[in-house]
N, C-alpha and C. Protein backbone atom coordinates (compact mmCIF):
# COMPACT_ATOMS: atom_id res chain seq x y z
N MET A 1 -181.15 -53.51 -5.43
CA MET A 1 -182.06 -54.05 -6.43
C MET A 1 -181.35 -54.29 -7.75
N LEU A 2 -180.48 -53.36 -8.16
CA LEU A 2 -179.76 -53.49 -9.42
C LEU A 2 -178.91 -54.74 -9.42
N LEU A 3 -178.16 -54.96 -8.34
CA LEU A 3 -177.29 -56.12 -8.29
C LEU A 3 -178.09 -57.41 -8.34
N ALA A 4 -179.23 -57.42 -7.65
CA ALA A 4 -180.05 -58.63 -7.65
C ALA A 4 -180.57 -58.93 -9.05
N LEU A 5 -181.01 -57.90 -9.75
CA LEU A 5 -181.56 -58.12 -11.08
C LEU A 5 -180.49 -58.50 -12.08
N LEU A 6 -179.34 -57.85 -12.00
CA LEU A 6 -178.27 -58.16 -12.94
C LEU A 6 -177.72 -59.55 -12.70
N SER A 7 -177.67 -59.99 -11.44
CA SER A 7 -177.20 -61.34 -11.17
C SER A 7 -178.19 -62.35 -11.72
N THR A 8 -179.47 -62.00 -11.71
CA THR A 8 -180.48 -62.87 -12.28
C THR A 8 -180.30 -62.97 -13.78
N LEU A 9 -179.95 -61.86 -14.42
CA LEU A 9 -179.75 -61.87 -15.86
C LEU A 9 -178.67 -62.85 -16.27
N ALA A 10 -177.65 -63.00 -15.44
CA ALA A 10 -176.52 -63.83 -15.80
C ALA A 10 -176.75 -65.30 -15.48
N ALA A 11 -177.84 -65.61 -14.78
CA ALA A 11 -178.08 -66.99 -14.37
C ALA A 11 -178.63 -67.82 -15.51
N PRO A 12 -178.43 -69.14 -15.47
CA PRO A 12 -179.02 -70.00 -16.50
C PRO A 12 -180.53 -69.86 -16.51
N ALA A 13 -181.13 -70.03 -17.68
CA ALA A 13 -182.56 -69.78 -17.81
C ALA A 13 -183.39 -70.65 -16.88
N VAL A 14 -183.08 -71.93 -16.78
CA VAL A 14 -183.90 -72.80 -15.96
C VAL A 14 -183.83 -72.39 -14.51
N ALA A 15 -182.65 -72.05 -14.04
CA ALA A 15 -182.51 -71.68 -12.64
C ALA A 15 -183.14 -70.34 -12.34
N ALA A 16 -183.15 -69.46 -13.32
CA ALA A 16 -183.64 -68.11 -13.08
C ALA A 16 -185.14 -68.00 -13.18
N GLN A 17 -185.80 -68.95 -13.80
CA GLN A 17 -187.24 -68.92 -13.87
C GLN A 17 -187.84 -69.14 -12.50
N SER A 18 -189.14 -68.82 -12.40
CA SER A 18 -189.88 -69.28 -11.24
C SER A 18 -189.80 -70.80 -11.23
N SER A 19 -189.96 -71.39 -10.07
CA SER A 19 -190.02 -72.84 -10.02
C SER A 19 -191.25 -73.31 -10.75
N THR A 20 -191.35 -74.61 -10.96
CA THR A 20 -192.50 -75.15 -11.67
C THR A 20 -193.78 -74.81 -10.91
N PRO A 21 -194.92 -74.80 -11.63
CA PRO A 21 -196.17 -74.46 -10.95
C PRO A 21 -196.44 -75.40 -9.78
N GLU A 22 -196.97 -74.85 -8.72
CA GLU A 22 -197.36 -75.67 -7.58
C GLU A 22 -198.63 -76.43 -7.93
N THR A 23 -198.76 -77.63 -7.42
CA THR A 23 -199.93 -78.44 -7.74
C THR A 23 -200.70 -78.85 -6.50
N GLY A 24 -200.38 -78.26 -5.35
CA GLY A 24 -201.06 -78.60 -4.11
C GLY A 24 -202.43 -77.94 -4.03
N ASP A 25 -203.03 -77.98 -2.84
CA ASP A 25 -204.35 -77.41 -2.64
C ASP A 25 -204.23 -75.92 -2.38
N ALA A 26 -203.97 -75.17 -3.45
CA ALA A 26 -203.82 -73.73 -3.32
C ALA A 26 -205.17 -73.07 -3.11
N LEU A 27 -205.20 -72.05 -2.25
CA LEU A 27 -206.42 -71.29 -2.05
C LEU A 27 -206.71 -70.47 -3.30
N GLU A 28 -207.97 -70.35 -3.64
CA GLU A 28 -208.33 -69.55 -4.80
C GLU A 28 -208.05 -68.08 -4.49
N PRO A 29 -207.32 -67.39 -5.37
CA PRO A 29 -207.05 -65.96 -5.14
C PRO A 29 -208.30 -65.13 -5.37
N ALA A 30 -208.24 -63.88 -4.98
CA ALA A 30 -209.38 -62.98 -5.13
C ALA A 30 -209.58 -62.54 -6.56
N PHE A 31 -208.58 -62.71 -7.40
CA PHE A 31 -208.67 -62.28 -8.79
C PHE A 31 -208.90 -63.49 -9.72
N GLU A 32 -209.38 -63.21 -10.92
CA GLU A 32 -209.66 -64.26 -11.90
C GLU A 32 -208.37 -64.86 -12.44
N THR A 33 -208.30 -66.19 -12.54
CA THR A 33 -207.11 -66.86 -13.08
C THR A 33 -207.41 -67.73 -14.28
N PHE A 34 -208.67 -68.02 -14.55
CA PHE A 34 -209.06 -68.92 -15.64
C PHE A 34 -208.39 -70.28 -15.51
N GLY A 35 -208.12 -70.69 -14.28
CA GLY A 35 -207.54 -72.00 -14.03
C GLY A 35 -206.03 -72.05 -14.06
N ALA A 36 -205.36 -70.91 -14.17
CA ALA A 36 -203.89 -70.90 -14.15
C ALA A 36 -203.38 -71.44 -12.82
N LEU A 37 -202.33 -72.25 -12.89
CA LEU A 37 -201.72 -72.78 -11.68
C LEU A 37 -200.79 -71.73 -11.06
N PRO A 38 -200.69 -71.72 -9.74
CA PRO A 38 -199.77 -70.77 -9.10
C PRO A 38 -198.33 -71.20 -9.25
N TRP A 39 -197.44 -70.20 -9.19
CA TRP A 39 -196.01 -70.42 -9.23
C TRP A 39 -195.41 -70.07 -7.88
N GLU A 40 -194.23 -70.64 -7.62
CA GLU A 40 -193.49 -70.23 -6.43
C GLU A 40 -192.92 -68.84 -6.65
N GLU A 41 -192.34 -68.26 -5.62
CA GLU A 41 -191.81 -66.90 -5.70
C GLU A 41 -190.84 -66.77 -6.87
N PRO A 42 -191.10 -65.84 -7.80
CA PRO A 42 -190.25 -65.70 -8.99
C PRO A 42 -188.88 -65.13 -8.64
N SER A 43 -187.85 -65.79 -9.13
CA SER A 43 -186.48 -65.39 -8.83
C SER A 43 -186.18 -64.00 -9.37
N GLY A 44 -185.63 -63.14 -8.53
CA GLY A 44 -185.18 -61.83 -8.96
C GLY A 44 -186.28 -60.81 -9.18
N ALA A 45 -187.54 -61.18 -8.97
CA ALA A 45 -188.64 -60.24 -9.22
C ALA A 45 -188.67 -59.15 -8.16
N GLU A 46 -189.05 -57.94 -8.58
CA GLU A 46 -189.11 -56.80 -7.68
C GLU A 46 -190.53 -56.23 -7.67
N PRO A 47 -191.02 -55.80 -6.48
CA PRO A 47 -192.38 -55.27 -6.40
C PRO A 47 -192.47 -53.81 -6.86
N TYR A 48 -193.55 -53.52 -7.55
CA TYR A 48 -193.89 -52.15 -7.95
C TYR A 48 -195.40 -51.98 -7.79
N LEU A 49 -195.85 -50.73 -7.85
CA LEU A 49 -197.28 -50.43 -7.77
C LEU A 49 -197.80 -50.04 -9.14
N VAL A 50 -198.97 -50.56 -9.49
CA VAL A 50 -199.61 -50.20 -10.75
C VAL A 50 -200.08 -48.75 -10.66
N GLU A 51 -199.73 -47.97 -11.68
CA GLU A 51 -200.18 -46.58 -11.77
C GLU A 51 -201.39 -46.47 -12.68
N ASP A 52 -201.32 -47.11 -13.85
CA ASP A 52 -202.41 -46.97 -14.81
C ASP A 52 -202.27 -48.06 -15.87
N VAL A 53 -203.39 -48.55 -16.39
CA VAL A 53 -203.39 -49.52 -17.48
C VAL A 53 -203.58 -48.79 -18.80
N THR A 54 -202.72 -49.10 -19.76
CA THR A 54 -202.77 -48.46 -21.08
C THR A 54 -203.67 -49.24 -22.02
N ASP A 55 -203.45 -50.55 -22.10
CA ASP A 55 -204.27 -51.42 -22.94
C ASP A 55 -204.14 -52.84 -22.41
N GLY A 56 -204.42 -53.83 -23.25
CA GLY A 56 -204.47 -55.19 -22.76
C GLY A 56 -203.16 -55.86 -22.47
N ASP A 57 -202.02 -55.24 -22.81
CA ASP A 57 -200.72 -55.85 -22.51
C ASP A 57 -199.71 -54.85 -21.96
N THR A 58 -200.13 -53.62 -21.72
CA THR A 58 -199.22 -52.56 -21.31
C THR A 58 -199.83 -51.75 -20.17
N PHE A 59 -198.99 -51.41 -19.20
CA PHE A 59 -199.44 -50.57 -18.09
C PHE A 59 -198.24 -49.82 -17.54
N SER A 60 -198.47 -48.92 -16.61
CA SER A 60 -197.37 -48.17 -16.01
C SER A 60 -197.28 -48.49 -14.52
N VAL A 61 -196.07 -48.36 -13.99
CA VAL A 61 -195.81 -48.65 -12.58
C VAL A 61 -195.04 -47.51 -11.94
N ILE A 62 -195.13 -47.46 -10.62
CA ILE A 62 -194.29 -46.57 -9.82
C ILE A 62 -193.59 -47.40 -8.76
N GLU A 63 -192.54 -46.85 -8.17
CA GLU A 63 -191.84 -47.56 -7.10
C GLU A 63 -192.69 -47.61 -5.85
N MET A 64 -192.46 -48.61 -5.03
CA MET A 64 -193.27 -48.80 -3.82
C MET A 64 -193.25 -47.56 -2.92
N GLY A 65 -192.12 -46.89 -2.84
CA GLY A 65 -191.99 -45.74 -1.95
C GLY A 65 -192.69 -44.49 -2.45
N GLN A 66 -193.26 -44.54 -3.65
CA GLN A 66 -193.93 -43.38 -4.22
C GLN A 66 -195.45 -43.42 -4.03
N ALA A 67 -195.92 -44.32 -3.22
CA ALA A 67 -197.36 -44.52 -3.07
C ALA A 67 -198.09 -43.24 -2.67
N ASP A 68 -197.46 -42.41 -1.84
CA ASP A 68 -198.11 -41.19 -1.36
C ASP A 68 -197.65 -39.94 -2.11
N ASP A 69 -196.88 -40.13 -3.16
CA ASP A 69 -196.39 -39.00 -3.94
C ASP A 69 -197.50 -38.52 -4.88
N PRO A 70 -197.89 -37.24 -4.82
CA PRO A 70 -198.96 -36.76 -5.70
C PRO A 70 -198.55 -36.71 -7.17
N ASP A 71 -197.27 -36.70 -7.44
CA ASP A 71 -196.79 -36.65 -8.83
C ASP A 71 -195.62 -37.62 -8.99
N PRO A 72 -195.89 -38.93 -8.94
CA PRO A 72 -194.80 -39.91 -8.96
C PRO A 72 -194.18 -40.07 -10.34
N TRP A 73 -192.95 -40.56 -10.35
CA TRP A 73 -192.27 -40.89 -11.61
C TRP A 73 -192.71 -42.29 -12.00
N TRP A 74 -193.37 -42.42 -13.15
CA TRP A 74 -193.87 -43.71 -13.57
C TRP A 74 -193.09 -44.25 -14.77
N GLU A 75 -193.15 -45.56 -14.92
CA GLU A 75 -192.48 -46.23 -16.03
C GLU A 75 -193.47 -47.13 -16.76
N PRO A 76 -193.45 -47.12 -18.11
CA PRO A 76 -194.33 -48.02 -18.87
C PRO A 76 -193.77 -49.44 -18.89
N VAL A 77 -194.66 -50.42 -18.79
CA VAL A 77 -194.30 -51.82 -18.74
C VAL A 77 -195.02 -52.57 -19.86
N ARG A 78 -194.27 -53.37 -20.59
CA ARG A 78 -194.84 -54.22 -21.65
C ARG A 78 -194.59 -55.67 -21.28
N MET A 79 -195.65 -56.47 -21.22
CA MET A 79 -195.49 -57.87 -20.84
C MET A 79 -194.93 -58.69 -21.99
N ILE A 80 -193.95 -59.52 -21.67
CA ILE A 80 -193.29 -60.37 -22.65
C ILE A 80 -194.20 -61.54 -23.04
N GLY A 81 -194.19 -61.88 -24.32
CA GLY A 81 -194.79 -63.12 -24.78
C GLY A 81 -196.22 -63.03 -25.25
N ILE A 82 -196.84 -61.85 -25.16
CA ILE A 82 -198.24 -61.72 -25.56
C ILE A 82 -198.44 -60.43 -26.34
N ASP A 83 -199.56 -60.37 -27.06
CA ASP A 83 -199.92 -59.17 -27.81
C ASP A 83 -201.44 -59.06 -27.77
N SER A 84 -201.94 -57.97 -27.21
CA SER A 84 -203.39 -57.81 -27.13
C SER A 84 -203.89 -57.01 -28.33
N PRO A 85 -205.16 -57.17 -28.68
CA PRO A 85 -205.73 -56.32 -29.73
C PRO A 85 -205.69 -54.86 -29.29
N GLU A 86 -205.57 -53.96 -30.24
CA GLU A 86 -205.51 -52.53 -29.93
C GLU A 86 -206.89 -51.99 -29.56
N LYS A 87 -206.90 -51.03 -28.65
CA LYS A 87 -208.14 -50.31 -28.39
C LYS A 87 -208.07 -48.97 -29.13
N ASP A 88 -209.20 -48.32 -29.27
CA ASP A 88 -209.24 -47.05 -29.97
C ASP A 88 -208.46 -46.01 -29.17
N GLY A 89 -207.55 -45.31 -29.82
CA GLY A 89 -206.74 -44.32 -29.13
C GLY A 89 -206.18 -43.31 -30.09
N PRO A 90 -205.41 -42.37 -29.58
CA PRO A 90 -204.86 -41.32 -30.45
C PRO A 90 -203.88 -41.85 -31.49
N TYR A 91 -203.25 -42.99 -31.21
CA TYR A 91 -202.25 -43.52 -32.14
C TYR A 91 -202.62 -44.91 -32.67
N THR A 92 -203.78 -45.43 -32.28
CA THR A 92 -204.18 -46.78 -32.70
C THR A 92 -205.64 -46.80 -33.11
N ASP A 93 -205.95 -47.69 -34.02
CA ASP A 93 -207.33 -47.95 -34.41
C ASP A 93 -207.82 -49.18 -33.65
N GLU A 94 -209.07 -49.15 -33.26
CA GLU A 94 -209.61 -50.24 -32.46
C GLU A 94 -209.64 -51.54 -33.27
N GLU A 95 -209.21 -52.63 -32.62
CA GLU A 95 -209.28 -53.96 -33.19
C GLU A 95 -210.28 -54.79 -32.39
N CYS A 96 -210.74 -55.86 -33.01
CA CYS A 96 -211.72 -56.72 -32.35
C CYS A 96 -211.19 -57.19 -31.00
N TYR A 97 -211.95 -56.96 -29.96
CA TYR A 97 -211.69 -57.37 -28.58
C TYR A 97 -210.64 -56.52 -27.88
N GLY A 98 -210.27 -55.40 -28.50
CA GLY A 98 -209.29 -54.53 -27.87
C GLY A 98 -209.83 -53.86 -26.61
N GLN A 99 -211.06 -53.37 -26.67
CA GLN A 99 -211.66 -52.73 -25.49
C GLN A 99 -211.83 -53.74 -24.36
N GLU A 100 -212.26 -54.95 -24.70
CA GLU A 100 -212.47 -55.98 -23.67
C GLU A 100 -211.16 -56.37 -23.01
N ALA A 101 -210.09 -56.49 -23.80
CA ALA A 101 -208.79 -56.85 -23.24
C ALA A 101 -208.29 -55.77 -22.29
N SER A 102 -208.44 -54.52 -22.70
CA SER A 102 -208.01 -53.40 -21.86
C SER A 102 -208.83 -53.34 -20.58
N ALA A 103 -210.15 -53.55 -20.71
CA ALA A 103 -211.03 -53.50 -19.53
C ALA A 103 -210.70 -54.61 -18.55
N PHE A 104 -210.38 -55.81 -19.07
CA PHE A 104 -210.06 -56.91 -18.16
C PHE A 104 -208.76 -56.65 -17.43
N LEU A 105 -207.74 -56.16 -18.14
CA LEU A 105 -206.47 -55.89 -17.46
C LEU A 105 -206.65 -54.78 -16.43
N SER A 106 -207.48 -53.80 -16.70
CA SER A 106 -207.76 -52.73 -15.73
C SER A 106 -208.43 -53.31 -14.48
N GLU A 107 -209.28 -54.30 -14.69
CA GLU A 107 -209.94 -54.95 -13.55
C GLU A 107 -208.96 -55.82 -12.78
N LEU A 108 -208.08 -56.50 -13.50
CA LEU A 108 -207.10 -57.38 -12.87
C LEU A 108 -206.03 -56.59 -12.13
N LEU A 109 -205.63 -55.43 -12.70
CA LEU A 109 -204.55 -54.62 -12.13
C LEU A 109 -205.05 -53.20 -11.85
N PRO A 110 -205.94 -53.02 -10.88
CA PRO A 110 -206.37 -51.66 -10.56
C PRO A 110 -205.23 -50.84 -9.97
N GLU A 111 -205.39 -49.54 -9.96
CA GLU A 111 -204.37 -48.64 -9.43
C GLU A 111 -203.96 -49.06 -8.03
N ASP A 112 -202.65 -48.99 -7.77
CA ASP A 112 -202.02 -49.31 -6.48
C ASP A 112 -201.91 -50.81 -6.22
N THR A 113 -202.25 -51.65 -7.19
CA THR A 113 -202.01 -53.08 -7.04
C THR A 113 -200.51 -53.35 -7.03
N THR A 114 -200.05 -54.21 -6.13
CA THR A 114 -198.64 -54.61 -6.13
C THR A 114 -198.42 -55.71 -7.16
N VAL A 115 -197.49 -55.47 -8.07
CA VAL A 115 -197.09 -56.47 -9.05
C VAL A 115 -195.61 -56.75 -8.89
N TYR A 116 -195.19 -57.91 -9.35
CA TYR A 116 -193.79 -58.31 -9.24
C TYR A 116 -193.24 -58.47 -10.66
N LEU A 117 -192.19 -57.72 -10.95
CA LEU A 117 -191.63 -57.66 -12.29
C LEU A 117 -190.33 -58.46 -12.36
N GLN A 118 -190.23 -59.29 -13.39
CA GLN A 118 -189.07 -60.18 -13.54
C GLN A 118 -188.52 -60.05 -14.96
N VAL A 119 -187.23 -59.75 -15.07
CA VAL A 119 -186.60 -59.77 -16.39
C VAL A 119 -186.53 -61.21 -16.87
N ASP A 120 -186.44 -61.35 -18.19
CA ASP A 120 -186.51 -62.68 -18.79
C ASP A 120 -185.25 -63.49 -18.58
N ASN A 121 -184.18 -62.82 -18.22
CA ASN A 121 -182.90 -63.50 -17.98
C ASN A 121 -182.27 -64.08 -19.22
N ASP A 122 -182.64 -63.54 -20.35
CA ASP A 122 -181.95 -63.90 -21.59
C ASP A 122 -180.48 -63.51 -21.44
N GLU A 123 -179.60 -64.50 -21.64
CA GLU A 123 -178.18 -64.23 -21.43
C GLU A 123 -177.56 -63.43 -22.58
N ASP A 124 -178.26 -63.34 -23.70
CA ASP A 124 -177.71 -62.67 -24.87
C ASP A 124 -178.61 -61.51 -25.26
N ILE A 125 -178.51 -60.39 -24.54
CA ILE A 125 -179.32 -59.23 -24.84
C ILE A 125 -178.93 -58.70 -26.22
N PRO A 126 -179.90 -58.51 -27.11
CA PRO A 126 -179.57 -58.01 -28.46
C PRO A 126 -178.84 -56.67 -28.41
N ASP A 127 -178.05 -56.41 -29.45
CA ASP A 127 -177.25 -55.19 -29.47
C ASP A 127 -178.10 -53.93 -29.42
N ASP A 128 -179.34 -54.01 -29.97
CA ASP A 128 -180.16 -52.82 -30.00
C ASP A 128 -181.02 -52.65 -28.74
N GLN A 129 -180.81 -53.55 -27.76
CA GLN A 129 -181.51 -53.41 -26.49
C GLN A 129 -180.57 -52.76 -25.48
N GLU A 130 -181.15 -52.28 -24.41
CA GLU A 130 -180.32 -51.72 -23.36
C GLU A 130 -180.97 -51.97 -22.01
N LEU A 131 -180.18 -51.81 -20.96
CA LEU A 131 -180.67 -51.99 -19.60
C LEU A 131 -180.70 -50.64 -18.90
N THR A 132 -181.72 -50.44 -18.08
CA THR A 132 -181.80 -49.22 -17.29
C THR A 132 -180.96 -49.38 -16.03
N ASP A 133 -180.87 -48.30 -15.27
CA ASP A 133 -180.13 -48.36 -14.00
C ASP A 133 -180.78 -49.35 -13.04
N ASP A 134 -182.06 -49.65 -13.25
CA ASP A 134 -182.76 -50.60 -12.40
C ASP A 134 -182.58 -52.04 -12.89
N GLY A 135 -181.80 -52.23 -13.95
CA GLY A 135 -181.61 -53.57 -14.48
C GLY A 135 -182.71 -54.03 -15.39
N MET A 136 -183.59 -53.11 -15.80
CA MET A 136 -184.71 -53.48 -16.65
C MET A 136 -184.33 -53.37 -18.12
N GLU A 137 -184.78 -54.33 -18.91
CA GLU A 137 -184.54 -54.30 -20.34
C GLU A 137 -185.56 -53.39 -21.01
N LEU A 138 -185.09 -52.56 -21.94
CA LEU A 138 -185.97 -51.65 -22.67
C LEU A 138 -186.22 -52.18 -24.07
N GLU A 139 -187.44 -51.93 -24.60
CA GLU A 139 -187.70 -52.24 -26.00
C GLU A 139 -187.75 -50.93 -26.78
N ASP A 140 -188.11 -51.03 -28.05
CA ASP A 140 -187.97 -49.88 -28.95
C ASP A 140 -188.74 -48.65 -28.50
N ASN A 141 -189.87 -48.86 -27.81
CA ASN A 141 -190.68 -47.73 -27.35
C ASN A 141 -190.34 -47.30 -25.92
N ASP A 142 -189.14 -47.70 -25.46
CA ASP A 142 -188.66 -47.33 -24.12
C ASP A 142 -189.56 -47.84 -23.01
N ARG A 143 -190.19 -48.97 -23.23
CA ARG A 143 -190.97 -49.61 -22.17
C ARG A 143 -190.15 -50.74 -21.57
N TRP A 144 -190.30 -50.96 -20.27
CA TRP A 144 -189.68 -52.12 -19.65
C TRP A 144 -190.37 -53.36 -20.20
N ILE A 145 -189.61 -54.35 -20.63
CA ILE A 145 -190.20 -55.62 -21.06
C ILE A 145 -189.89 -56.67 -20.01
N VAL A 146 -190.94 -57.17 -19.41
CA VAL A 146 -190.81 -58.02 -18.22
C VAL A 146 -191.92 -59.05 -18.18
N HIS A 147 -191.74 -60.03 -17.30
CA HIS A 147 -192.83 -60.90 -16.89
C HIS A 147 -193.43 -60.30 -15.63
N VAL A 148 -194.73 -60.41 -15.51
CA VAL A 148 -195.47 -59.74 -14.44
C VAL A 148 -196.25 -60.79 -13.64
N TYR A 149 -196.15 -60.69 -12.32
CA TYR A 149 -196.83 -61.62 -11.43
C TYR A 149 -197.75 -60.87 -10.47
N LEU A 150 -198.85 -61.53 -10.13
CA LEU A 150 -199.71 -61.11 -9.03
C LEU A 150 -199.56 -62.13 -7.91
N LYS A 151 -199.50 -61.66 -6.68
CA LYS A 151 -199.41 -62.56 -5.53
C LYS A 151 -200.76 -62.65 -4.86
N ALA A 152 -201.20 -63.87 -4.60
CA ALA A 152 -202.47 -64.07 -3.92
C ALA A 152 -202.35 -63.64 -2.46
N ASP A 153 -203.40 -63.06 -1.93
CA ASP A 153 -203.41 -62.63 -0.54
C ASP A 153 -203.28 -63.84 0.39
N ASP A 154 -202.48 -63.66 1.44
CA ASP A 154 -202.37 -64.65 2.52
C ASP A 154 -201.77 -65.99 2.08
N THR A 155 -201.13 -66.04 0.93
CA THR A 155 -200.45 -67.26 0.49
C THR A 155 -199.12 -66.87 -0.12
N ASP A 156 -198.34 -67.86 -0.47
CA ASP A 156 -197.09 -67.64 -1.19
C ASP A 156 -197.24 -67.98 -2.66
N ASP A 157 -198.45 -67.89 -3.17
CA ASP A 157 -198.73 -68.24 -4.57
C ASP A 157 -198.64 -67.01 -5.46
N TYR A 158 -197.91 -67.15 -6.55
CA TYR A 158 -197.77 -66.09 -7.54
C TYR A 158 -198.38 -66.56 -8.86
N TYR A 159 -199.04 -65.65 -9.56
CA TYR A 159 -199.69 -65.99 -10.82
C TYR A 159 -199.10 -65.14 -11.93
N LEU A 160 -198.77 -65.77 -13.05
CA LEU A 160 -198.20 -65.09 -14.19
C LEU A 160 -199.32 -64.40 -14.96
N VAL A 161 -199.28 -63.08 -15.00
CA VAL A 161 -200.38 -62.31 -15.59
C VAL A 161 -200.56 -62.64 -17.06
N SER A 162 -199.47 -62.80 -17.80
CA SER A 162 -199.59 -63.12 -19.23
C SER A 162 -200.29 -64.46 -19.44
N GLU A 163 -200.07 -65.40 -18.54
CA GLU A 163 -200.74 -66.70 -18.65
C GLU A 163 -202.24 -66.55 -18.41
N ILE A 164 -202.61 -65.75 -17.42
CA ILE A 164 -204.03 -65.48 -17.16
C ILE A 164 -204.69 -64.88 -18.39
N LEU A 165 -204.03 -63.89 -18.99
CA LEU A 165 -204.59 -63.23 -20.17
C LEU A 165 -204.72 -64.18 -21.34
N ALA A 166 -203.73 -65.05 -21.52
CA ALA A 166 -203.79 -66.02 -22.61
C ALA A 166 -204.90 -67.04 -22.39
N LEU A 167 -205.05 -67.51 -21.16
CA LEU A 167 -206.11 -68.47 -20.84
C LEU A 167 -207.49 -67.87 -21.03
N GLY A 168 -207.62 -66.58 -20.74
CA GLY A 168 -208.91 -65.92 -20.89
C GLY A 168 -209.25 -65.54 -22.31
N GLY A 169 -208.30 -65.69 -23.23
CA GLY A 169 -208.53 -65.33 -24.62
C GLY A 169 -208.47 -63.84 -24.88
N TYR A 170 -207.70 -63.14 -24.06
CA TYR A 170 -207.58 -61.69 -24.23
C TYR A 170 -206.37 -61.28 -25.06
N VAL A 171 -205.47 -62.22 -25.33
CA VAL A 171 -204.23 -61.89 -26.04
C VAL A 171 -203.85 -63.01 -26.99
N ASP A 172 -203.00 -62.66 -27.91
CA ASP A 172 -202.38 -63.61 -28.83
C ASP A 172 -200.94 -63.82 -28.37
N VAL A 173 -200.51 -65.06 -28.28
CA VAL A 173 -199.14 -65.35 -27.85
C VAL A 173 -198.20 -65.08 -29.02
N LYS A 174 -197.07 -64.43 -28.74
CA LYS A 174 -196.12 -64.09 -29.79
C LYS A 174 -194.70 -64.12 -29.24
N ASP A 175 -193.73 -64.28 -30.16
CA ASP A 175 -192.33 -64.16 -29.77
C ASP A 175 -192.05 -62.71 -29.42
N TYR A 176 -191.20 -62.50 -28.43
CA TYR A 176 -190.82 -61.14 -28.08
C TYR A 176 -189.31 -61.08 -28.00
N ASP A 177 -188.70 -60.69 -29.13
CA ASP A 177 -187.25 -60.67 -29.24
C ASP A 177 -186.69 -62.04 -28.88
N ASP A 178 -185.64 -62.08 -28.08
CA ASP A 178 -185.04 -63.36 -27.71
C ASP A 178 -185.42 -63.79 -26.30
N ASN A 179 -186.47 -63.21 -25.76
CA ASN A 179 -186.93 -63.58 -24.42
C ASN A 179 -187.83 -64.81 -24.53
N THR A 180 -187.36 -65.91 -23.98
CA THR A 180 -188.02 -67.19 -24.27
C THR A 180 -188.64 -67.86 -23.05
N TYR A 181 -188.65 -67.19 -21.91
CA TYR A 181 -189.30 -67.78 -20.75
C TYR A 181 -190.76 -68.05 -21.05
N PHE A 182 -191.27 -69.14 -20.54
CA PHE A 182 -192.70 -69.44 -20.52
C PHE A 182 -193.31 -69.57 -21.92
N VAL A 183 -192.49 -69.78 -22.93
CA VAL A 183 -193.03 -69.95 -24.29
C VAL A 183 -194.01 -71.12 -24.32
N ASP A 184 -193.62 -72.25 -23.76
CA ASP A 184 -194.48 -73.44 -23.80
C ASP A 184 -195.75 -73.23 -22.99
N GLU A 185 -195.62 -72.62 -21.80
CA GLU A 185 -196.79 -72.40 -20.96
C GLU A 185 -197.79 -71.46 -21.61
N LEU A 186 -197.28 -70.39 -22.20
CA LEU A 186 -198.17 -69.42 -22.83
C LEU A 186 -198.84 -70.00 -24.08
N GLN A 187 -198.10 -70.78 -24.84
CA GLN A 187 -198.70 -71.39 -26.03
C GLN A 187 -199.77 -72.39 -25.64
N ALA A 188 -199.53 -73.16 -24.59
CA ALA A 188 -200.53 -74.12 -24.11
C ALA A 188 -201.79 -73.38 -23.64
N ALA A 189 -201.59 -72.23 -22.98
CA ALA A 189 -202.73 -71.45 -22.52
C ALA A 189 -203.54 -70.92 -23.70
N GLU A 190 -202.85 -70.43 -24.73
CA GLU A 190 -203.56 -69.95 -25.92
C GLU A 190 -204.31 -71.09 -26.61
N ASP A 191 -203.66 -72.24 -26.72
CA ASP A 191 -204.30 -73.37 -27.38
C ASP A 191 -205.60 -73.75 -26.68
N LEU A 192 -205.59 -73.74 -25.35
CA LEU A 192 -206.80 -74.05 -24.59
C LEU A 192 -207.89 -73.01 -24.84
N ALA A 193 -207.50 -71.73 -24.83
CA ALA A 193 -208.47 -70.67 -25.08
C ALA A 193 -209.06 -70.79 -26.49
N ARG A 194 -208.23 -71.11 -27.47
CA ARG A 194 -208.71 -71.30 -28.84
C ARG A 194 -209.70 -72.47 -28.91
N ASP A 195 -209.31 -73.59 -28.29
CA ASP A 195 -210.15 -74.78 -28.34
C ASP A 195 -211.53 -74.53 -27.74
N GLU A 196 -211.59 -73.66 -26.73
CA GLU A 196 -212.85 -73.39 -26.04
C GLU A 196 -213.49 -72.09 -26.49
N ASP A 197 -212.95 -71.49 -27.57
CA ASP A 197 -213.51 -70.25 -28.12
C ASP A 197 -213.65 -69.15 -27.06
N ARG A 198 -212.67 -69.05 -26.19
CA ARG A 198 -212.70 -68.02 -25.16
C ARG A 198 -212.30 -66.67 -25.74
N GLY A 199 -212.90 -65.62 -25.22
CA GLY A 199 -212.48 -64.27 -25.54
C GLY A 199 -212.46 -63.98 -27.02
N LEU A 200 -211.33 -63.45 -27.48
CA LEU A 200 -211.22 -63.02 -28.87
C LEU A 200 -211.34 -64.17 -29.85
N TRP A 201 -211.02 -65.40 -29.43
CA TRP A 201 -211.07 -66.54 -30.35
C TRP A 201 -212.51 -66.89 -30.70
N GLY A 202 -213.45 -66.61 -29.79
CA GLY A 202 -214.84 -66.81 -30.12
C GLY A 202 -215.48 -65.59 -30.74
N ALA A 203 -215.06 -64.42 -30.29
CA ALA A 203 -215.71 -63.17 -30.72
C ALA A 203 -215.20 -62.66 -32.06
N CYS A 204 -213.98 -63.01 -32.40
CA CYS A 204 -213.35 -62.38 -33.57
C CYS A 204 -213.08 -63.35 -34.71
N GLY A 205 -213.64 -64.54 -34.62
CA GLY A 205 -213.44 -65.50 -35.70
C GLY A 205 -212.05 -66.05 -35.77
N GLY A 206 -211.34 -66.10 -34.60
CA GLY A 206 -209.97 -66.59 -34.60
C GLY A 206 -209.88 -68.09 -34.64
């Protein structure tokens, strides 16, 4: 897994991304997409199991082989390119639409859901960043920063979770260090959500 991920990091950005969205007659997945188009299998992505959702843009995962472990080793994951409103917590004050964003991600990624994690493949990792033994990039709070995909049942269609969240109006699109994958797609998704007053853009006066 390490070699596969590190080789992906060194690849050119265009080649390392998922292929362009498929435009054929894709079957509707069981989960909400808000009209997001499916992607082909993301290059270098590795499967993990969702352990728990923290808020609207952060959750924890365990390795596939730990499914039956009563006390698995989990890792926190932060999705690249988006920022959700905060929910009320021990270290955060609730922001408008924070509870709704967290609740939707919990519904989208219930415990034991298989997700596919992909590093951004930025060829120039900043000096203050580091890679784990698994080839994952860490941010300041020691969370893996990755793109996250859901795979539709019985198809080869993958959906970018950050794009779903942006289309639904659950998150604000933002730069995340030098990771630039899907900047245009995520911004287009946010623009559509804003235009239609979806989610926080209608509820919070955005």
